[in-house]
């Protein structure tokens, strides 16, 4: 069930429930701020059903949404977050005592484990029944349920945060990413982790003005900048060198496939 992790004995400073755009973006920020972070994800983000992601900044011609999702996960884990497949069945505890999540293995309801965390960020969609035991305010909207928050990610329960679609944000990838980042920064500040901004600046930007480099910031010299830019180019070239191997998804109710996969190659040949 596990892929990579950053805590000891299944104990983390932050547990993120949901590995879609909001959850993985939040994980990148919290991991970079030094919080031991684990993302637990069940199933696949709805993003993967898109045929082409057209409106995310930085991709002038759009991007394959399944590739984009893979890139988000790689960015989060590259910055130190853990990522595991699993279904959170129950959450208990408090900020003072710590939270405990009961996590089942995907496809095996009998395989369960407990994960402890100081704080929890909810970014799953759309079942929030696992929150019943902690008293988070939920708004029912027909067949959907939303976690209520203060607009910055804080719920009514201290130590529990929400981001993305589950917090009733607009259903757009760029908004989910921004909301995940905002909730993450709110959480970082609440945890009293020293943090100014997540900035990488040229050498001397602060120090040549007689200032210490603020927490969360980093000064790099020309050689380091060139090395990072070369690594960035190489990574992007690798990601986009070939078509993504995963098949197109659609709504599961439309096809006889549990993941909603469609065979466009077969349809094109007919």
Protein backbone atom coordinates (compact mmCIF):
# COMPACT_ATOMS: atom_id res chain seq x y z
CA UNK A 1 0.00 0.00 0.00
CA UNK A 2 2.89 2.38 0.60
CA UNK A 3 5.13 4.12 -1.89
CA UNK A 4 7.26 6.62 0.01
CA UNK A 5 7.02 8.22 3.40
CA UNK A 6 8.70 10.83 5.55
CA UNK A 7 7.56 10.08 9.11
CA UNK A 8 8.58 7.45 11.65
CA UNK A 9 6.31 4.52 12.59
CA UNK A 10 3.36 6.00 10.68
CA UNK A 11 3.48 9.25 12.64
CA UNK A 12 3.53 12.56 10.79
CA UNK A 13 3.15 16.25 11.41
CA UNK A 14 0.54 16.42 8.65
CA UNK A 15 -1.77 13.90 7.04
CA UNK A 16 -3.36 15.01 3.76
CA UNK A 17 -6.42 13.00 2.76
CA UNK A 18 -6.83 13.11 -1.00
CA UNK A 19 -4.20 13.15 -3.73
CA UNK A 20 -5.82 15.36 -6.34
CA UNK A 21 -4.71 18.82 -7.40
CA UNK A 22 -5.47 20.51 -4.06
CA UNK A 23 -3.96 17.79 -1.89
CA UNK A 24 -0.73 17.38 -3.86
CA UNK A 25 -0.20 21.14 -4.16
CA UNK A 26 -0.67 21.51 -0.41
CA UNK A 27 1.80 18.66 0.16
CA UNK A 28 4.46 20.40 -1.93
CA UNK A 29 4.18 23.55 0.21
CA UNK A 30 4.08 21.83 3.60
CA UNK A 31 6.93 19.47 2.77
CA UNK A 32 9.06 22.36 1.54
CA UNK A 33 8.32 24.16 4.81
CA UNK A 34 9.79 21.20 6.68
CA UNK A 35 6.61 19.51 7.94
CA UNK A 36 6.68 15.72 7.68
CA UNK A 37 3.78 15.20 5.30
CA UNK A 38 1.93 12.12 4.10
CA UNK A 39 -0.69 12.08 1.33
CA UNK A 40 -3.16 9.20 1.46
CA UNK A 41 -5.13 8.83 -1.75
CA UNK A 42 -7.95 6.48 -2.68
CA UNK A 43 -8.76 6.00 -6.33
CA UNK A 44 -8.10 8.67 -8.90
CA UNK A 45 -8.64 12.39 -9.16
CA UNK A 46 -11.52 13.46 -11.41
CA UNK A 47 -8.84 15.42 -13.25
CA UNK A 48 -7.83 12.18 -14.96
CA UNK A 49 -11.20 11.98 -16.73
CA UNK A 50 -10.47 15.16 -18.68
CA UNK A 51 -9.57 14.71 -22.33
CA UNK A 52 -7.20 17.69 -22.29
CA UNK A 53 -6.44 20.31 -19.64
CA UNK A 54 -6.68 23.62 -21.50
CA UNK A 55 -6.73 26.41 -18.92
CA UNK A 56 -3.91 25.77 -16.43
CA UNK A 57 -1.33 28.59 -16.47
CA UNK A 58 2.04 27.73 -17.94
CA UNK A 59 0.81 25.30 -20.61
CA UNK A 60 0.02 27.46 -23.68
CA UNK A 61 -1.26 24.48 -25.72
CA UNK A 62 -2.75 22.65 -22.75
CA UNK A 63 -1.51 19.39 -21.21
CA UNK A 64 -2.58 15.77 -20.90
CA UNK A 65 -4.42 15.73 -17.54
CA UNK A 66 -3.11 12.29 -16.54
CA UNK A 67 0.44 13.45 -17.22
CA UNK A 68 -0.25 16.62 -15.26
CA UNK A 69 -1.51 14.57 -12.30
CA UNK A 70 1.64 12.43 -12.41
CA UNK A 71 3.78 15.56 -12.47
CA UNK A 72 2.00 16.97 -9.40
CA UNK A 73 2.65 13.75 -7.49
CA UNK A 74 6.29 13.71 -8.56
CA UNK A 75 6.73 17.32 -7.45
CA UNK A 76 5.25 16.62 -4.02
CA UNK A 77 7.38 13.52 -3.40
CA UNK A 78 10.51 15.18 -4.83
CA UNK A 79 10.11 17.87 -2.18
CA UNK A 80 9.83 15.32 0.62
CA UNK A 81 6.16 14.40 0.96
CA UNK A 82 5.15 10.77 1.32
CA UNK A 83 2.42 9.27 -0.86
CA UNK A 84 0.39 6.14 -0.18
CA UNK A 85 -2.64 4.50 -1.71
CA UNK A 86 -5.34 3.89 0.88
CA UNK A 87 -8.88 4.65 1.98
CA UNK A 88 -9.30 6.66 5.18
CA UNK A 89 -12.22 5.01 6.96
CA UNK A 90 -12.22 6.91 10.24
CA UNK A 91 -10.57 9.89 11.87
CA UNK A 92 -10.39 10.48 15.61
CA UNK A 93 -8.52 12.68 18.07
CA UNK A 94 -7.85 16.38 18.49
CA UNK A 95 -5.12 18.97 18.05
CA UNK A 96 -4.09 18.56 21.70
CA UNK A 97 -4.05 14.76 21.66
CA UNK A 98 -3.11 14.24 18.03
CA UNK A 99 -5.21 12.70 15.29
CA UNK A 100 -5.41 9.03 14.33
CA UNK A 101 -6.65 7.88 10.93
CA UNK A 102 -7.74 4.31 10.26
CA UNK A 103 -6.66 3.53 6.72
CA UNK A 104 -7.75 0.54 4.68
CA UNK A 105 -5.82 -0.88 1.75
CA UNK A 106 -7.32 -0.30 -1.68
CA UNK A 107 -9.05 -3.51 -2.75
CA UNK A 108 -8.63 -5.26 0.62
CA UNK A 109 -11.04 -4.13 3.33
CA UNK A 110 -9.43 -6.43 5.90
CA UNK A 111 -5.99 -4.82 5.61
CA UNK A 112 -6.06 -1.79 7.93
CA UNK A 113 -3.49 0.35 9.69
CA UNK A 114 -3.41 3.47 11.83
CA UNK A 115 -1.62 6.68 10.90
CA UNK A 116 -1.01 9.39 13.50
CA UNK A 117 -0.70 13.07 12.66
CA UNK A 118 -0.50 16.39 14.48
CA UNK A 119 -2.77 18.01 11.87
CA UNK A 120 -5.01 16.87 9.02
CA UNK A 121 -5.85 18.52 5.71
CA UNK A 122 -8.93 17.17 3.94
CA UNK A 123 -8.80 17.36 0.14
CA UNK A 124 -10.77 14.25 -0.81
CA UNK A 125 -13.93 14.05 -2.91
CA UNK A 126 -16.70 13.43 -2.20
CA UNK A 127 -17.26 11.04 0.74
CA UNK A 128 -16.53 12.71 4.09
CA UNK A 129 -18.15 10.11 6.35
CA UNK A 130 -14.75 9.47 7.94
CA UNK A 131 -15.07 12.89 9.61
CA UNK A 132 -18.19 11.93 11.57
CA UNK A 133 -16.26 11.22 14.75
CA UNK A 134 -14.42 14.55 15.00
CA UNK A 135 -17.30 17.00 14.66
CA UNK A 136 -16.30 18.88 11.53
CA UNK A 137 -19.13 21.07 10.21
CA UNK A 138 -20.50 19.62 6.97
CA UNK A 139 -22.96 21.21 4.57
CA UNK A 140 -25.30 18.82 2.78
CA UNK A 141 -26.12 19.78 -0.81
CA UNK A 142 -28.25 17.01 -2.23
CA UNK A 143 -26.00 14.11 -3.18
CA UNK A 144 -22.87 16.08 -2.26
CA UNK A 145 -21.35 17.14 1.04
CA UNK A 146 -18.96 20.01 1.62
CA UNK A 147 -16.64 20.76 4.53
CA UNK A 148 -17.23 24.25 5.88
CA UNK A 149 -14.18 26.45 6.48
CA UNK A 150 -13.22 30.08 7.15
CA UNK A 151 -12.08 30.76 3.59
CA UNK A 152 -8.42 30.07 4.41
CA UNK A 153 -8.80 26.35 5.03
CA UNK A 154 -9.53 26.26 8.77
CA UNK A 155 -12.53 24.17 9.79
CA UNK A 156 -14.41 24.53 13.08
CA UNK A 157 -12.13 21.85 14.57
CA UNK A 158 -8.66 23.08 15.43
CA UNK A 159 -6.00 21.18 13.54
CA UNK A 160 -8.29 20.07 10.71
CA UNK A 161 -8.18 21.96 7.41
CA UNK A 162 -9.95 21.62 4.07
CA UNK A 163 -9.02 22.57 0.51
CA UNK A 164 -10.31 22.27 -3.02
CA UNK A 165 -13.63 20.92 -4.20
CA UNK A 166 -14.50 19.42 -0.79
CA UNK A 167 -14.37 22.98 0.61
CA UNK A 168 -16.87 24.04 -2.09
CA UNK A 169 -14.37 25.84 -4.28
CA UNK A 170 -14.96 26.21 -8.02
CA UNK A 171 -14.34 23.00 -9.93
CA UNK A 172 -11.24 24.13 -11.84
CA UNK A 173 -7.73 22.71 -11.56
CA UNK A 174 -6.02 26.08 -11.15
CA UNK A 175 -8.41 27.07 -8.35
CA UNK A 176 -7.89 23.74 -6.61
CA UNK A 177 -4.13 24.27 -6.80
CA UNK A 178 -4.34 27.79 -5.42
CA UNK A 179 -6.70 26.74 -2.66
CA UNK A 180 -4.43 23.85 -1.70
CA UNK A 181 -1.50 26.25 -1.48
CA UNK A 182 -3.50 28.76 0.58
CA UNK A 183 -4.71 26.12 3.04
CA UNK A 184 -1.16 24.79 3.32
CA UNK A 185 0.28 28.21 4.14
CA UNK A 186 -2.49 28.80 6.68
CA UNK A 187 -1.61 25.48 8.30
CA UNK A 188 2.11 26.26 8.26
CA UNK A 189 1.52 29.55 10.07
CA UNK A 190 -0.85 27.92 12.59
CA UNK A 191 1.76 25.26 13.36
CA UNK A 192 4.19 28.06 14.31
CA UNK A 193 6.68 26.77 11.78
CA UNK A 194 9.05 29.66 10.94
CA UNK A 195 7.93 30.72 7.48
CA UNK A 196 8.04 33.95 5.48
CA UNK A 197 7.51 32.96 1.85
CA UNK A 198 8.44 30.00 -0.32
CA UNK A 199 10.89 31.93 -2.49
CA UNK A 200 14.15 31.01 -4.20
CA UNK A 201 16.04 34.24 -4.89
CA UNK A 202 19.44 35.17 -6.36
CA UNK A 203 22.44 35.26 -4.06
CA UNK A 204 22.60 38.53 -2.15
CA UNK A 205 18.90 39.39 -2.55
CA UNK A 206 18.54 39.62 1.22
CA UNK A 207 22.08 39.36 2.59
CA UNK A 208 23.52 42.17 0.46
CA UNK A 209 20.93 44.44 2.02
CA UNK A 210 22.04 43.47 5.51
CA UNK A 211 19.11 41.11 6.08
CA UNK A 212 19.08 37.47 7.12
CA UNK A 213 17.45 35.08 4.68
CA UNK A 214 13.88 34.70 6.01
CA UNK A 215 12.47 31.26 6.91
CA UNK A 216 11.16 29.47 3.84
CA UNK A 217 13.38 31.48 1.48
CA UNK A 218 16.63 30.43 -0.13
CA UNK A 219 19.42 32.35 -1.84
CA UNK A 220 21.28 30.53 -4.61
CA UNK A 221 24.32 31.49 -6.69
CA UNK A 222 24.65 31.43 -10.48
CA UNK A 223 26.08 27.91 -10.61
CA UNK A 224 23.22 26.50 -8.53
CA UNK A 225 20.68 28.39 -10.61
CA UNK A 226 22.11 26.93 -13.81
CA UNK A 227 22.12 23.43 -12.32
CA UNK A 228 18.46 23.69 -11.28
CA UNK A 229 17.40 25.09 -14.61
CA UNK A 230 19.23 22.28 -16.43
CA UNK A 231 17.50 19.71 -14.22
CA UNK A 232 14.16 21.40 -14.90
CA UNK A 233 14.67 21.29 -18.67
CA UNK A 234 15.72 17.65 -18.56
CA UNK A 235 12.69 16.68 -16.47
CA UNK A 236 10.24 18.49 -18.72
CA UNK A 237 11.79 17.01 -21.85
CA UNK A 238 11.42 13.54 -20.35
CA UNK A 239 7.80 14.12 -19.32
CA UNK A 240 6.79 15.35 -22.78
CA UNK A 241 9.01 13.14 -24.95
CA UNK A 242 6.27 10.56 -25.57
CA UNK A 243 2.50 10.27 -25.34
CA UNK A 244 1.23 9.37 -21.89
CA UNK A 245 0.58 5.66 -21.59
CA UNK A 246 -2.65 5.76 -19.57
CA UNK A 247 -5.90 5.32 -21.45
CA UNK A 248 -8.50 8.07 -21.58
CA UNK A 249 -11.09 8.06 -18.79
CA UNK A 250 -14.73 9.03 -18.83
CA UNK A 251 -17.55 8.85 -16.29
CA UNK A 252 -17.63 5.26 -14.94
CA UNK A 253 -21.38 5.02 -15.55
CA UNK A 254 -20.79 5.26 -19.30
CA UNK A 255 -18.51 2.26 -19.80
CA UNK A 256 -18.05 -1.25 -18.45
CA UNK A 257 -14.82 -0.44 -16.65
CA UNK A 258 -14.37 0.39 -12.96
CA UNK A 259 -11.97 3.21 -13.75
CA UNK A 260 -13.99 4.57 -16.63
CA UNK A 261 -11.34 3.75 -19.22
CA UNK A 262 -12.23 4.02 -22.89
CA UNK A 263 -10.39 2.48 -25.82
CA UNK A 264 -10.02 5.43 -28.19
CA UNK A 265 -7.43 3.60 -30.30
CA UNK A 266 -9.96 0.86 -30.99
CA UNK A 267 -12.71 3.38 -31.72
CA UNK A 268 -10.45 5.32 -34.09
CA UNK A 269 -9.67 2.15 -36.05
CA UNK A 270 -13.36 1.35 -36.61
